[in-house]
Amino acid sequence: MYTMEIIQRYKKEITGFVLILLFIFGFSAYNFTLSLRRARDVQRRDDLTALVDALERYFNDFDRYPASTSDGKLIACLPKGWTFEDMKKILGGRPVQNRAKMFAQMAPCEWGTSSLSDVSDNSRPIYLTVIPQDPRALEGASYRYFSTGQHFQLLASFEGKDNSEYSQKILARKILCGNKICNFGKASRGTPLDVLLEEYEKGLKK
């Protein structure tokens, strides 16, 4: 009888110890997951900041931002199979006067692999070695770029709502950043993020 009491007591102690371990493990796993999520959001913010800086330098050289595709990519890269020499032939030794021809030949850039550079002159500094992609690109998330040439919007989707740059106004636009709704963004100087670029530019003309 005495032995059974001891066994029962140890069972309770062991059960309590296991429950404590499970709580500690669960809490640690939650904190680890939270840290990873926040790290990805920091990367998203840094990615867009770097790309905005590169786009502004691009604008300073070409007096326009790269155009955008319907699915939100930058149109600023050489067509597949082309080299800088092919673009030089299009320009015919008149890079400034024939820029319209250059822009007409540009192809969409790929997130995570393409670079942002002067496709007519490979001797010039590259604006951005790799155009970044969302940290969860393999799971369907993506950045989204809109441009009229004179203004642009660059959107992403934060995983955490506690981020100071999380925007309900952007979220309300219900624009998809891959398989997520965009809720954060950056834009060209003075450009709002809560309206279509076309609407914004119409307002400027008025």
N, C-alpha and C. Protein backbone atom coordinates (compact mmCIF):
# COMPACT_ATOMS: atom_id res chain seq x y z
N MET A 1 0.84 -1.21 0.00
CA MET A 1 0.00 0.00 0.00
C MET A 1 0.87 1.25 0.00
N TYR A 2 1.87 1.20 0.85
CA TYR A 2 2.79 2.34 0.94
C TYR A 2 3.53 2.54 -0.38
N THR A 3 3.88 1.42 -1.00
CA THR A 3 4.59 1.47 -2.29
C THR A 3 3.72 2.10 -3.36
N MET A 4 2.45 1.74 -3.39
CA MET A 4 1.52 2.30 -4.38
C MET A 4 1.36 3.81 -4.21
N GLU A 5 1.37 4.28 -2.98
CA GLU A 5 1.27 5.73 -2.73
C GLU A 5 2.49 6.45 -3.30
N ILE A 6 3.65 5.81 -3.08
CA ILE A 6 4.90 6.42 -3.61
C ILE A 6 4.86 6.48 -5.14
N ILE A 7 4.38 5.39 -5.76
CA ILE A 7 4.31 5.34 -7.22
C ILE A 7 3.35 6.41 -7.75
N GLN A 8 2.20 6.54 -7.09
CA GLN A 8 1.23 7.54 -7.50
C GLN A 8 1.78 8.95 -7.37
N ARG A 9 2.51 9.17 -6.28
CA ARG A 9 3.10 10.50 -6.06
C ARG A 9 4.13 10.82 -7.15
N TYR A 10 4.98 9.81 -7.47
CA TYR A 10 5.98 10.02 -8.52
C TYR A 10 5.33 10.23 -9.88
N LYS A 11 4.24 9.54 -10.14
CA LYS A 11 3.51 9.74 -11.40
C LYS A 11 3.04 11.18 -11.54
N LYS A 12 2.51 11.70 -10.44
CA LYS A 12 2.05 13.09 -10.46
C LYS A 12 3.20 14.05 -10.68
N GLU A 13 4.32 13.78 -10.01
CA GLU A 13 5.49 14.65 -10.16
C GLU A 13 6.03 14.60 -11.59
N ILE A 14 6.09 13.38 -12.14
CA ILE A 14 6.60 13.22 -13.50
C ILE A 14 5.66 13.91 -14.49
N THR A 15 4.34 13.71 -14.28
CA THR A 15 3.36 14.36 -15.16
C THR A 15 3.50 15.87 -15.12
N GLY A 16 3.66 16.40 -13.92
CA GLY A 16 3.85 17.84 -13.77
C GLY A 16 5.11 18.32 -14.45
N PHE A 17 6.18 17.53 -14.33
CA PHE A 17 7.46 17.88 -14.94
C PHE A 17 7.35 17.87 -16.46
N VAL A 18 6.66 16.87 -16.99
CA VAL A 18 6.45 16.77 -18.44
C VAL A 18 5.64 17.96 -18.95
N LEU A 19 4.61 18.33 -18.20
CA LEU A 19 3.78 19.47 -18.59
C LEU A 19 4.58 20.76 -18.62
N ILE A 20 5.47 20.91 -17.63
CA ILE A 20 6.34 22.09 -17.59
C ILE A 20 7.26 22.11 -18.81
N LEU A 21 7.84 20.94 -19.14
CA LEU A 21 8.72 20.85 -20.30
C LEU A 21 7.97 21.18 -21.59
N LEU A 22 6.74 20.67 -21.71
CA LEU A 22 5.94 20.95 -22.89
C LEU A 22 5.62 22.43 -23.01
N PHE A 23 5.34 23.07 -21.88
CA PHE A 23 5.06 24.51 -21.89
C PHE A 23 6.29 25.29 -22.33
N ILE A 24 7.45 24.92 -21.77
CA ILE A 24 8.70 25.60 -22.12
C ILE A 24 9.01 25.41 -23.61
N PHE A 25 8.83 24.17 -24.09
CA PHE A 25 9.09 23.87 -25.50
C PHE A 25 8.14 24.67 -26.40
N GLY A 26 6.87 24.68 -26.04
CA GLY A 26 5.88 25.40 -26.84
C GLY A 26 6.15 26.89 -26.87
N PHE A 27 6.52 27.45 -25.70
CA PHE A 27 6.81 28.88 -25.62
C PHE A 27 8.05 29.22 -26.44
N SER A 28 9.08 28.36 -26.37
CA SER A 28 10.32 28.58 -27.12
C SER A 28 10.06 28.50 -28.62
N ALA A 29 9.24 27.50 -29.01
CA ALA A 29 8.92 27.34 -30.43
C ALA A 29 8.16 28.55 -30.94
N TYR A 30 7.23 29.07 -30.13
CA TYR A 30 6.47 30.26 -30.52
C TYR A 30 7.39 31.46 -30.72
N ASN A 31 8.30 31.66 -29.75
CA ASN A 31 9.24 32.78 -29.84
C ASN A 31 10.16 32.65 -31.05
N PHE A 32 10.57 31.41 -31.33
CA PHE A 32 11.44 31.17 -32.49
C PHE A 32 10.70 31.49 -33.78
N THR A 33 9.46 31.04 -33.87
CA THR A 33 8.64 31.31 -35.06
C THR A 33 8.40 32.80 -35.21
N LEU A 34 8.14 33.49 -34.10
CA LEU A 34 7.92 34.93 -34.13
C LEU A 34 9.17 35.66 -34.59
N SER A 35 10.33 35.22 -34.13
CA SER A 35 11.60 35.84 -34.53
C SER A 35 11.84 35.68 -36.02
N LEU A 36 11.55 34.50 -36.56
CA LEU A 36 11.72 34.27 -37.99
C LEU A 36 10.78 35.15 -38.80
N ARG A 37 9.53 35.27 -38.32
CA ARG A 37 8.55 36.10 -39.02
C ARG A 37 8.99 37.55 -39.04
N ARG A 38 9.46 38.05 -37.91
CA ARG A 38 9.91 39.44 -37.83
C ARG A 38 11.15 39.67 -38.69
N ALA A 39 12.03 38.67 -38.74
CA ALA A 39 13.23 38.78 -39.58
C ALA A 39 12.85 38.88 -41.05
N ARG A 40 11.85 38.11 -41.47
CA ARG A 40 11.40 38.18 -42.86
C ARG A 40 10.78 39.54 -43.17
N ASP A 41 10.04 40.10 -42.22
CA ASP A 41 9.45 41.42 -42.43
C ASP A 41 10.51 42.51 -42.50
N VAL A 42 11.55 42.37 -41.69
CA VAL A 42 12.67 43.33 -41.75
C VAL A 42 13.33 43.24 -43.13
N GLN A 43 13.49 42.01 -43.62
CA GLN A 43 14.09 41.85 -44.95
C GLN A 43 13.22 42.49 -46.02
N ARG A 44 11.90 42.34 -45.90
CA ARG A 44 11.00 42.96 -46.88
C ARG A 44 11.16 44.48 -46.87
N ARG A 45 11.21 45.05 -45.69
CA ARG A 45 11.38 46.51 -45.60
C ARG A 45 12.72 46.93 -46.20
N ASP A 46 13.79 46.20 -45.89
CA ASP A 46 15.11 46.53 -46.41
C ASP A 46 15.19 46.33 -47.92
N ASP A 47 14.54 45.28 -48.42
CA ASP A 47 14.53 45.02 -49.86
C ASP A 47 13.90 46.19 -50.62
N LEU A 48 12.74 46.63 -50.15
CA LEU A 48 12.05 47.72 -50.84
C LEU A 48 12.82 49.03 -50.73
N THR A 49 13.47 49.25 -49.57
CA THR A 49 14.28 50.45 -49.41
C THR A 49 15.43 50.47 -50.41
N ALA A 50 16.10 49.33 -50.56
CA ALA A 50 17.22 49.24 -51.50
C ALA A 50 16.75 49.42 -52.94
N LEU A 51 15.60 48.84 -53.27
CA LEU A 51 15.09 48.95 -54.64
C LEU A 51 14.63 50.37 -54.95
N VAL A 52 14.03 51.04 -53.98
CA VAL A 52 13.62 52.43 -54.18
C VAL A 52 14.85 53.30 -54.46
N ASP A 53 15.90 53.10 -53.68
CA ASP A 53 17.13 53.86 -53.89
C ASP A 53 17.69 53.63 -55.30
N ALA A 54 17.69 52.37 -55.74
CA ALA A 54 18.18 52.05 -57.08
C ALA A 54 17.31 52.68 -58.16
N LEU A 55 16.01 52.67 -57.97
CA LEU A 55 15.09 53.25 -58.95
C LEU A 55 15.24 54.76 -59.05
N GLU A 56 15.53 55.41 -57.92
CA GLU A 56 15.73 56.86 -57.95
C GLU A 56 17.02 57.20 -58.72
N ARG A 57 18.04 56.40 -58.54
CA ARG A 57 19.28 56.63 -59.29
C ARG A 57 19.08 56.35 -60.78
N TYR A 58 18.26 55.36 -61.07
CA TYR A 58 17.90 55.06 -62.45
C TYR A 58 17.18 56.26 -63.07
N PHE A 59 16.24 56.83 -62.33
CA PHE A 59 15.50 58.00 -62.80
C PHE A 59 16.43 59.18 -63.05
N ASN A 60 17.39 59.38 -62.17
CA ASN A 60 18.33 60.50 -62.34
C ASN A 60 19.12 60.38 -63.64
N ASP A 61 19.37 59.16 -64.10
CA ASP A 61 20.13 58.95 -65.33
C ASP A 61 19.26 58.97 -66.58
N PHE A 62 18.02 58.47 -66.47
CA PHE A 62 17.18 58.31 -67.66
C PHE A 62 15.94 59.21 -67.68
N ASP A 63 15.72 59.96 -66.62
CA ASP A 63 14.58 60.87 -66.53
C ASP A 63 13.24 60.11 -66.60
N ARG A 64 13.26 58.87 -66.19
CA ARG A 64 12.05 58.07 -66.10
C ARG A 64 12.36 56.80 -65.31
N TYR A 65 11.30 56.24 -64.73
CA TYR A 65 11.44 54.97 -64.02
C TYR A 65 11.13 53.84 -64.99
N PRO A 66 11.62 52.64 -64.72
CA PRO A 66 11.27 51.51 -65.60
C PRO A 66 9.76 51.32 -65.65
N ALA A 67 9.26 50.87 -66.79
CA ALA A 67 7.84 50.55 -66.91
C ALA A 67 7.55 49.28 -66.10
N SER A 68 6.27 48.93 -66.01
CA SER A 68 5.89 47.74 -65.25
C SER A 68 5.01 46.82 -66.08
N THR A 69 5.08 45.54 -65.78
CA THR A 69 4.21 44.56 -66.44
C THR A 69 2.87 44.50 -65.71
N SER A 70 1.91 43.82 -66.30
CA SER A 70 0.59 43.71 -65.67
C SER A 70 0.64 42.91 -64.37
N ASP A 71 1.64 42.04 -64.23
CA ASP A 71 1.76 41.27 -62.99
C ASP A 71 2.80 41.86 -62.03
N GLY A 72 3.20 43.11 -62.27
CA GLY A 72 4.00 43.83 -61.29
C GLY A 72 5.50 43.65 -61.32
N LYS A 73 6.07 43.36 -62.48
CA LYS A 73 7.52 43.26 -62.60
C LYS A 73 8.08 44.53 -63.25
N LEU A 74 9.36 44.77 -63.06
CA LEU A 74 10.03 45.89 -63.71
C LEU A 74 10.37 45.50 -65.15
N ILE A 75 10.15 46.41 -66.09
CA ILE A 75 10.58 46.19 -67.47
C ILE A 75 11.85 47.00 -67.66
N ALA A 76 12.99 46.38 -67.41
CA ALA A 76 14.26 47.11 -67.45
C ALA A 76 15.44 46.22 -67.80
N CYS A 77 15.18 45.02 -68.31
CA CYS A 77 16.26 44.07 -68.56
C CYS A 77 16.39 43.75 -70.05
N LEU A 78 17.53 43.19 -70.41
CA LEU A 78 17.76 42.77 -71.79
C LEU A 78 16.86 41.58 -72.12
N PRO A 79 16.35 41.52 -73.35
CA PRO A 79 15.58 40.34 -73.75
C PRO A 79 16.44 39.08 -73.67
N LYS A 80 15.82 37.94 -73.50
CA LYS A 80 16.55 36.69 -73.38
C LYS A 80 17.44 36.46 -74.61
N GLY A 81 18.71 36.17 -74.35
CA GLY A 81 19.64 35.92 -75.44
C GLY A 81 20.37 37.15 -75.93
N TRP A 82 19.94 38.34 -75.50
CA TRP A 82 20.59 39.57 -75.93
C TRP A 82 21.83 39.86 -75.09
N THR A 83 22.74 40.66 -75.67
CA THR A 83 23.91 41.17 -74.95
C THR A 83 23.89 42.69 -75.02
N PHE A 84 24.80 43.31 -74.29
CA PHE A 84 24.89 44.77 -74.34
C PHE A 84 25.18 45.24 -75.77
N GLU A 85 25.94 44.46 -76.51
CA GLU A 85 26.29 44.84 -77.88
C GLU A 85 25.05 44.89 -78.78
N ASP A 86 24.11 43.97 -78.54
CA ASP A 86 22.86 43.99 -79.31
C ASP A 86 22.09 45.28 -79.07
N MET A 87 22.08 45.74 -77.82
CA MET A 87 21.37 46.98 -77.51
C MET A 87 22.09 48.18 -78.11
N LYS A 88 23.41 48.13 -78.13
CA LYS A 88 24.18 49.24 -78.73
C LYS A 88 23.84 49.39 -80.21
N LYS A 89 23.62 48.27 -80.87
CA LYS A 89 23.26 48.32 -82.30
C LYS A 89 21.91 49.02 -82.49
N ILE A 90 20.99 48.74 -81.57
CA ILE A 90 19.67 49.40 -81.62
C ILE A 90 19.83 50.91 -81.45
N LEU A 91 20.71 51.30 -80.55
CA LEU A 91 20.90 52.73 -80.26
C LEU A 91 21.69 53.42 -81.35
N GLY A 92 22.46 52.68 -82.12
CA GLY A 92 23.20 53.24 -83.24
C GLY A 92 24.17 54.34 -82.86
N GLY A 93 24.80 54.21 -81.71
CA GLY A 93 25.78 55.22 -81.27
C GLY A 93 25.15 56.50 -80.78
N ARG A 94 23.84 56.53 -80.63
CA ARG A 94 23.13 57.72 -80.13
C ARG A 94 22.28 57.34 -78.93
N PRO A 95 22.94 57.00 -77.80
CA PRO A 95 22.22 56.49 -76.62
C PRO A 95 21.18 57.44 -76.05
N VAL A 96 21.45 58.73 -76.08
CA VAL A 96 20.50 59.69 -75.52
C VAL A 96 19.33 59.93 -76.48
N GLN A 97 19.66 60.17 -77.73
CA GLN A 97 18.61 60.47 -78.72
C GLN A 97 17.72 59.27 -79.00
N ASN A 98 18.26 58.06 -78.88
CA ASN A 98 17.51 56.86 -79.23
C ASN A 98 17.03 56.06 -78.01
N ARG A 99 16.88 56.72 -76.89
CA ARG A 99 16.46 56.02 -75.68
C ARG A 99 15.08 55.37 -75.84
N ALA A 100 14.20 56.00 -76.60
CA ALA A 100 12.88 55.44 -76.80
C ALA A 100 12.97 54.06 -77.43
N LYS A 101 13.93 53.88 -78.34
CA LYS A 101 14.13 52.57 -78.97
C LYS A 101 14.63 51.55 -77.94
N MET A 102 15.48 52.02 -77.04
CA MET A 102 16.01 51.13 -76.01
C MET A 102 14.89 50.65 -75.09
N PHE A 103 14.06 51.59 -74.63
CA PHE A 103 12.97 51.23 -73.72
C PHE A 103 11.98 50.28 -74.40
N ALA A 104 11.78 50.47 -75.70
CA ALA A 104 10.83 49.63 -76.44
C ALA A 104 11.30 48.19 -76.52
N GLN A 105 12.62 47.97 -76.44
CA GLN A 105 13.18 46.62 -76.56
C GLN A 105 13.35 45.91 -75.21
N MET A 106 13.18 46.63 -74.12
CA MET A 106 13.44 46.04 -72.80
C MET A 106 12.44 44.94 -72.46
N ALA A 107 12.92 44.00 -71.66
CA ALA A 107 12.10 42.86 -71.24
C ALA A 107 11.88 42.89 -69.73
N PRO A 108 10.88 42.16 -69.25
CA PRO A 108 10.65 42.10 -67.79
C PRO A 108 11.84 41.51 -67.06
N CYS A 109 12.12 42.04 -65.89
CA CYS A 109 13.17 41.50 -65.02
C CYS A 109 12.55 40.46 -64.09
N GLU A 110 13.35 39.51 -63.65
CA GLU A 110 12.87 38.47 -62.75
C GLU A 110 13.29 38.79 -61.32
N TRP A 111 12.31 38.70 -60.41
CA TRP A 111 12.63 38.91 -59.00
C TRP A 111 13.64 37.85 -58.53
N GLY A 112 14.65 38.30 -57.83
CA GLY A 112 15.60 37.37 -57.22
C GLY A 112 16.74 36.92 -58.10
N THR A 113 16.73 37.26 -59.40
CA THR A 113 17.82 36.84 -60.28
C THR A 113 18.36 37.97 -61.16
N SER A 114 17.46 38.81 -61.68
CA SER A 114 17.91 39.89 -62.57
C SER A 114 18.56 41.03 -61.79
N SER A 115 19.37 41.81 -62.49
CA SER A 115 19.96 43.00 -61.90
C SER A 115 19.33 44.23 -62.55
N LEU A 116 19.45 45.37 -61.90
CA LEU A 116 18.96 46.63 -62.46
C LEU A 116 20.18 47.43 -62.89
N SER A 117 20.31 47.64 -64.19
CA SER A 117 21.50 48.31 -64.71
C SER A 117 21.16 49.09 -65.97
N ASP A 118 22.15 49.78 -66.51
CA ASP A 118 22.02 50.46 -67.79
C ASP A 118 22.26 49.40 -68.87
N VAL A 119 21.21 48.96 -69.53
CA VAL A 119 21.35 47.87 -70.50
C VAL A 119 22.05 48.29 -71.78
N SER A 120 22.38 49.56 -71.90
CA SER A 120 23.09 50.03 -73.09
C SER A 120 24.58 50.19 -72.86
N ASP A 121 25.00 50.11 -71.60
CA ASP A 121 26.41 50.35 -71.29
C ASP A 121 26.82 49.54 -70.06
N ASN A 122 27.52 48.45 -70.27
CA ASN A 122 27.92 47.59 -69.14
C ASN A 122 29.13 48.10 -68.39
N SER A 123 29.64 49.27 -68.80
CA SER A 123 30.78 49.85 -68.08
C SER A 123 30.31 50.75 -66.93
N ARG A 124 29.02 51.05 -66.92
CA ARG A 124 28.50 51.93 -65.88
C ARG A 124 28.16 51.13 -64.63
N PRO A 125 28.18 51.78 -63.46
CA PRO A 125 27.86 51.07 -62.20
C PRO A 125 26.45 50.49 -62.25
N ILE A 126 26.29 49.30 -61.67
CA ILE A 126 24.98 48.65 -61.61
C ILE A 126 24.16 49.30 -60.49
N TYR A 127 22.90 49.58 -60.78
CA TYR A 127 22.04 50.21 -59.77
C TYR A 127 21.73 49.23 -58.63
N LEU A 128 21.49 47.98 -58.98
CA LEU A 128 21.19 46.97 -57.97
C LEU A 128 21.62 45.61 -58.54
N THR A 129 22.55 44.95 -57.84
CA THR A 129 23.11 43.69 -58.35
C THR A 129 22.04 42.64 -58.55
N VAL A 130 21.14 42.50 -57.60
CA VAL A 130 20.02 41.56 -57.72
C VAL A 130 18.74 42.25 -57.28
N ILE A 131 17.75 42.25 -58.16
CA ILE A 131 16.43 42.78 -57.78
C ILE A 131 15.84 41.78 -56.79
N PRO A 132 15.60 42.19 -55.55
CA PRO A 132 15.22 41.22 -54.51
C PRO A 132 13.87 40.56 -54.74
N GLN A 133 13.70 39.43 -54.12
CA GLN A 133 12.40 38.75 -54.14
C GLN A 133 11.93 38.54 -52.70
N ASP A 134 10.64 38.35 -52.53
CA ASP A 134 10.07 38.13 -51.21
C ASP A 134 10.73 36.91 -50.55
N PRO A 135 11.01 36.98 -49.24
CA PRO A 135 11.61 35.84 -48.54
C PRO A 135 10.83 34.53 -48.67
N ARG A 136 9.54 34.65 -48.93
CA ARG A 136 8.70 33.46 -49.09
C ARG A 136 8.24 33.30 -50.54
N ALA A 137 9.13 33.65 -51.46
CA ALA A 137 8.80 33.56 -52.89
C ALA A 137 8.47 32.13 -53.30
N LEU A 138 9.17 31.15 -52.73
CA LEU A 138 8.93 29.76 -53.08
C LEU A 138 7.55 29.28 -52.62
N GLU A 139 6.95 30.04 -51.70
CA GLU A 139 5.61 29.70 -51.21
C GLU A 139 4.54 30.56 -51.87
N GLY A 140 4.94 31.37 -52.86
CA GLY A 140 3.96 32.14 -53.62
C GLY A 140 3.90 33.62 -53.34
N ALA A 141 4.64 34.11 -52.34
CA ALA A 141 4.62 35.55 -52.04
C ALA A 141 5.50 36.31 -53.03
N SER A 142 5.15 37.56 -53.28
CA SER A 142 5.93 38.34 -54.25
C SER A 142 5.81 39.83 -53.97
N TYR A 143 6.78 40.58 -54.45
CA TYR A 143 6.69 42.04 -54.44
C TYR A 143 5.89 42.46 -55.67
N ARG A 144 5.38 43.68 -55.66
CA ARG A 144 4.53 44.17 -56.77
C ARG A 144 4.96 45.60 -57.12
N TYR A 145 5.20 45.85 -58.40
CA TYR A 145 5.69 47.15 -58.87
C TYR A 145 4.72 47.73 -59.88
N PHE A 146 4.36 49.00 -59.67
CA PHE A 146 3.52 49.74 -60.60
C PHE A 146 4.27 51.00 -61.04
N SER A 147 4.21 51.34 -62.33
CA SER A 147 4.93 52.52 -62.80
C SER A 147 4.25 53.16 -64.00
N THR A 148 4.29 54.48 -64.01
CA THR A 148 3.85 55.24 -65.19
C THR A 148 5.04 55.85 -65.91
N GLY A 149 6.22 55.62 -65.38
CA GLY A 149 7.43 56.23 -65.94
C GLY A 149 7.85 57.44 -65.12
N GLN A 150 6.87 58.20 -64.63
CA GLN A 150 7.17 59.38 -63.82
C GLN A 150 6.91 59.15 -62.33
N HIS A 151 6.16 58.13 -62.02
CA HIS A 151 5.89 57.78 -60.63
C HIS A 151 5.83 56.26 -60.52
N PHE A 152 6.13 55.75 -59.34
CA PHE A 152 6.00 54.31 -59.13
C PHE A 152 5.53 54.00 -57.71
N GLN A 153 4.96 52.83 -57.56
CA GLN A 153 4.59 52.27 -56.26
C GLN A 153 5.18 50.86 -56.19
N LEU A 154 5.73 50.53 -55.04
CA LEU A 154 6.35 49.23 -54.82
C LEU A 154 5.70 48.64 -53.57
N LEU A 155 5.03 47.51 -53.74
CA LEU A 155 4.23 46.94 -52.64
C LEU A 155 4.73 45.57 -52.20
N ALA A 156 4.44 45.24 -50.94
CA ALA A 156 4.80 43.95 -50.37
C ALA A 156 3.75 43.59 -49.33
N SER A 157 3.88 42.39 -48.77
CA SER A 157 2.94 41.96 -47.74
C SER A 157 3.69 41.53 -46.49
N PHE A 158 3.53 42.31 -45.41
CA PHE A 158 4.09 41.93 -44.11
C PHE A 158 3.31 40.76 -43.54
N GLU A 159 4.00 39.90 -42.81
CA GLU A 159 3.32 38.81 -42.12
C GLU A 159 2.74 39.27 -40.79
N GLY A 160 3.37 40.27 -40.17
CA GLY A 160 2.93 40.76 -38.88
C GLY A 160 2.21 42.09 -38.95
N LYS A 161 1.07 42.19 -38.27
CA LYS A 161 0.33 43.45 -38.24
C LYS A 161 0.93 44.44 -37.25
N ASP A 162 1.88 43.97 -36.43
CA ASP A 162 2.47 44.84 -35.42
C ASP A 162 3.57 45.73 -35.98
N ASN A 163 3.87 45.58 -37.26
CA ASN A 163 4.91 46.41 -37.88
C ASN A 163 4.39 47.84 -38.05
N SER A 164 5.23 48.80 -37.73
CA SER A 164 4.80 50.21 -37.77
C SER A 164 4.44 50.68 -39.17
N GLU A 165 4.96 50.01 -40.20
CA GLU A 165 4.69 50.42 -41.58
C GLU A 165 3.55 49.62 -42.22
N TYR A 166 2.93 48.75 -41.44
CA TYR A 166 1.75 48.03 -41.92
C TYR A 166 0.65 49.05 -42.21
N SER A 167 0.03 48.97 -43.38
CA SER A 167 -0.93 50.00 -43.79
C SER A 167 -2.31 49.42 -44.10
N GLN A 168 -3.30 49.85 -43.34
CA GLN A 168 -4.68 49.44 -43.60
C GLN A 168 -5.17 50.02 -44.94
N LYS A 169 -4.66 51.20 -45.31
CA LYS A 169 -5.09 51.83 -46.56
C LYS A 169 -4.61 51.02 -47.76
N ILE A 170 -3.38 50.52 -47.69
CA ILE A 170 -2.89 49.67 -48.78
C ILE A 170 -3.65 48.36 -48.79
N LEU A 171 -3.89 47.80 -47.62
CA LEU A 171 -4.63 46.55 -47.49
C LEU A 171 -6.02 46.68 -48.12
N ALA A 172 -6.64 47.84 -47.93
CA ALA A 172 -8.00 48.08 -48.45
C ALA A 172 -8.04 48.07 -49.97
N ARG A 173 -6.91 48.26 -50.63
CA ARG A 173 -6.88 48.24 -52.10
C ARG A 173 -7.00 46.81 -52.64
N LYS A 174 -6.73 45.84 -51.78
CA LYS A 174 -6.87 44.41 -52.11
C LYS A 174 -6.05 44.01 -53.34
N ILE A 175 -4.84 44.53 -53.40
CA ILE A 175 -3.91 44.16 -54.47
C ILE A 175 -3.11 42.94 -54.02
N LEU A 176 -2.97 41.98 -54.89
CA LEU A 176 -2.25 40.78 -54.54
C LEU A 176 -0.74 40.92 -54.74
N CYS A 177 0.00 40.58 -53.70
CA CYS A 177 1.46 40.46 -53.78
C CYS A 177 1.74 38.96 -53.82
N GLY A 178 1.61 38.37 -54.99
CA GLY A 178 1.68 36.92 -55.10
C GLY A 178 0.39 36.33 -54.58
N ASN A 179 0.50 35.50 -53.54
CA ASN A 179 -0.70 34.89 -52.96
C ASN A 179 -1.13 35.57 -51.66
N LYS A 180 -0.58 36.74 -51.40
CA LYS A 180 -0.93 37.52 -50.21
C LYS A 180 -1.45 38.89 -50.62
N ILE A 181 -2.27 39.49 -49.79
CA ILE A 181 -2.74 40.86 -50.07
C ILE A 181 -1.68 41.85 -49.60
N CYS A 182 -1.32 42.78 -50.45
CA CYS A 182 -0.29 43.78 -50.11
C CYS A 182 -0.77 44.64 -48.94
N ASN A 183 0.12 44.94 -48.02
CA ASN A 183 -0.25 45.78 -46.88
C ASN A 183 0.86 46.76 -46.47
N PHE A 184 1.85 46.89 -47.34
CA PHE A 184 3.00 47.74 -47.03
C PHE A 184 3.60 48.18 -48.36
N GLY A 185 4.21 49.36 -48.38
CA GLY A 185 4.82 49.78 -49.62
C GLY A 185 5.69 51.01 -49.50
N LYS A 186 6.39 51.27 -50.58
CA LYS A 186 7.19 52.49 -50.72
C LYS A 186 6.96 53.01 -52.13
N ALA A 187 7.23 54.29 -52.34
CA ALA A 187 6.93 54.88 -53.63
C ALA A 187 7.95 55.94 -54.01
N SER A 188 7.85 56.40 -55.27
CA SER A 188 8.71 57.49 -55.71
C SER A 188 8.37 58.74 -54.91
N ARG A 189 9.26 59.68 -54.94
CA ARG A 189 9.14 60.88 -54.10
C ARG A 189 7.77 61.57 -54.22
N GLY A 190 7.08 61.66 -53.09
CA GLY A 190 5.80 62.36 -53.03
C GLY A 190 4.61 61.57 -53.53
N THR A 191 4.82 60.33 -53.95
CA THR A 191 3.72 59.54 -54.52
C THR A 191 2.97 58.80 -53.42
N PRO A 192 1.64 58.93 -53.35
CA PRO A 192 0.87 58.22 -52.32
C PRO A 192 0.76 56.73 -52.65
N LEU A 193 0.41 55.95 -51.65
CA LEU A 193 0.31 54.50 -51.84
C LEU A 193 -1.14 53.99 -51.77
N ASP A 194 -2.06 54.89 -51.48
CA ASP A 194 -3.45 54.44 -51.28
C ASP A 194 -4.36 54.68 -52.48
N VAL A 195 -3.78 55.13 -53.62
CA VAL A 195 -4.59 55.36 -54.82
C VAL A 195 -3.84 54.83 -56.05
N LEU A 196 -4.58 54.62 -57.14
CA LEU A 196 -3.95 54.24 -58.40
C LEU A 196 -3.04 55.35 -58.89
N LEU A 197 -1.95 55.00 -59.52
CA LEU A 197 -1.03 56.01 -60.04
C LEU A 197 -1.72 56.90 -61.07
N GLU A 198 -2.55 56.31 -61.90
CA GLU A 198 -3.26 57.07 -62.93
C GLU A 198 -4.17 58.13 -62.30
N GLU A 199 -4.84 57.77 -61.22
CA GLU A 199 -5.71 58.72 -60.53
C GLU A 199 -4.89 59.84 -59.90
N TYR A 200 -3.75 59.47 -59.33
CA TYR A 200 -2.88 60.46 -58.72
C TYR A 200 -2.37 61.46 -59.75
N GLU A 201 -1.98 60.96 -60.91
CA GLU A 201 -1.44 61.84 -61.95
C GLU A 201 -2.54 62.72 -62.55
N LYS A 202 -3.76 62.20 -62.63
CA LYS A 202 -4.88 63.04 -63.08
C LYS A 202 -5.09 64.21 -62.14
N GLY A 203 -4.96 63.92 -60.84
CA GLY A 203 -5.09 64.97 -59.85
C GLY A 203 -4.01 66.01 -59.97
N LEU A 204 -2.81 65.60 -60.31
CA LEU A 204 -1.71 66.54 -60.49
C LEU A 204 -1.98 67.48 -61.68
N LYS A 205 -2.55 66.93 -62.73
CA LYS A 205 -2.84 67.74 -63.92
C LYS A 205 -3.90 68.79 -63.65
N LYS A 206 -4.86 68.45 -62.76
CA LYS A 206 -5.92 69.39 -62.42
C LYS A 206 -5.36 70.55 -61.61
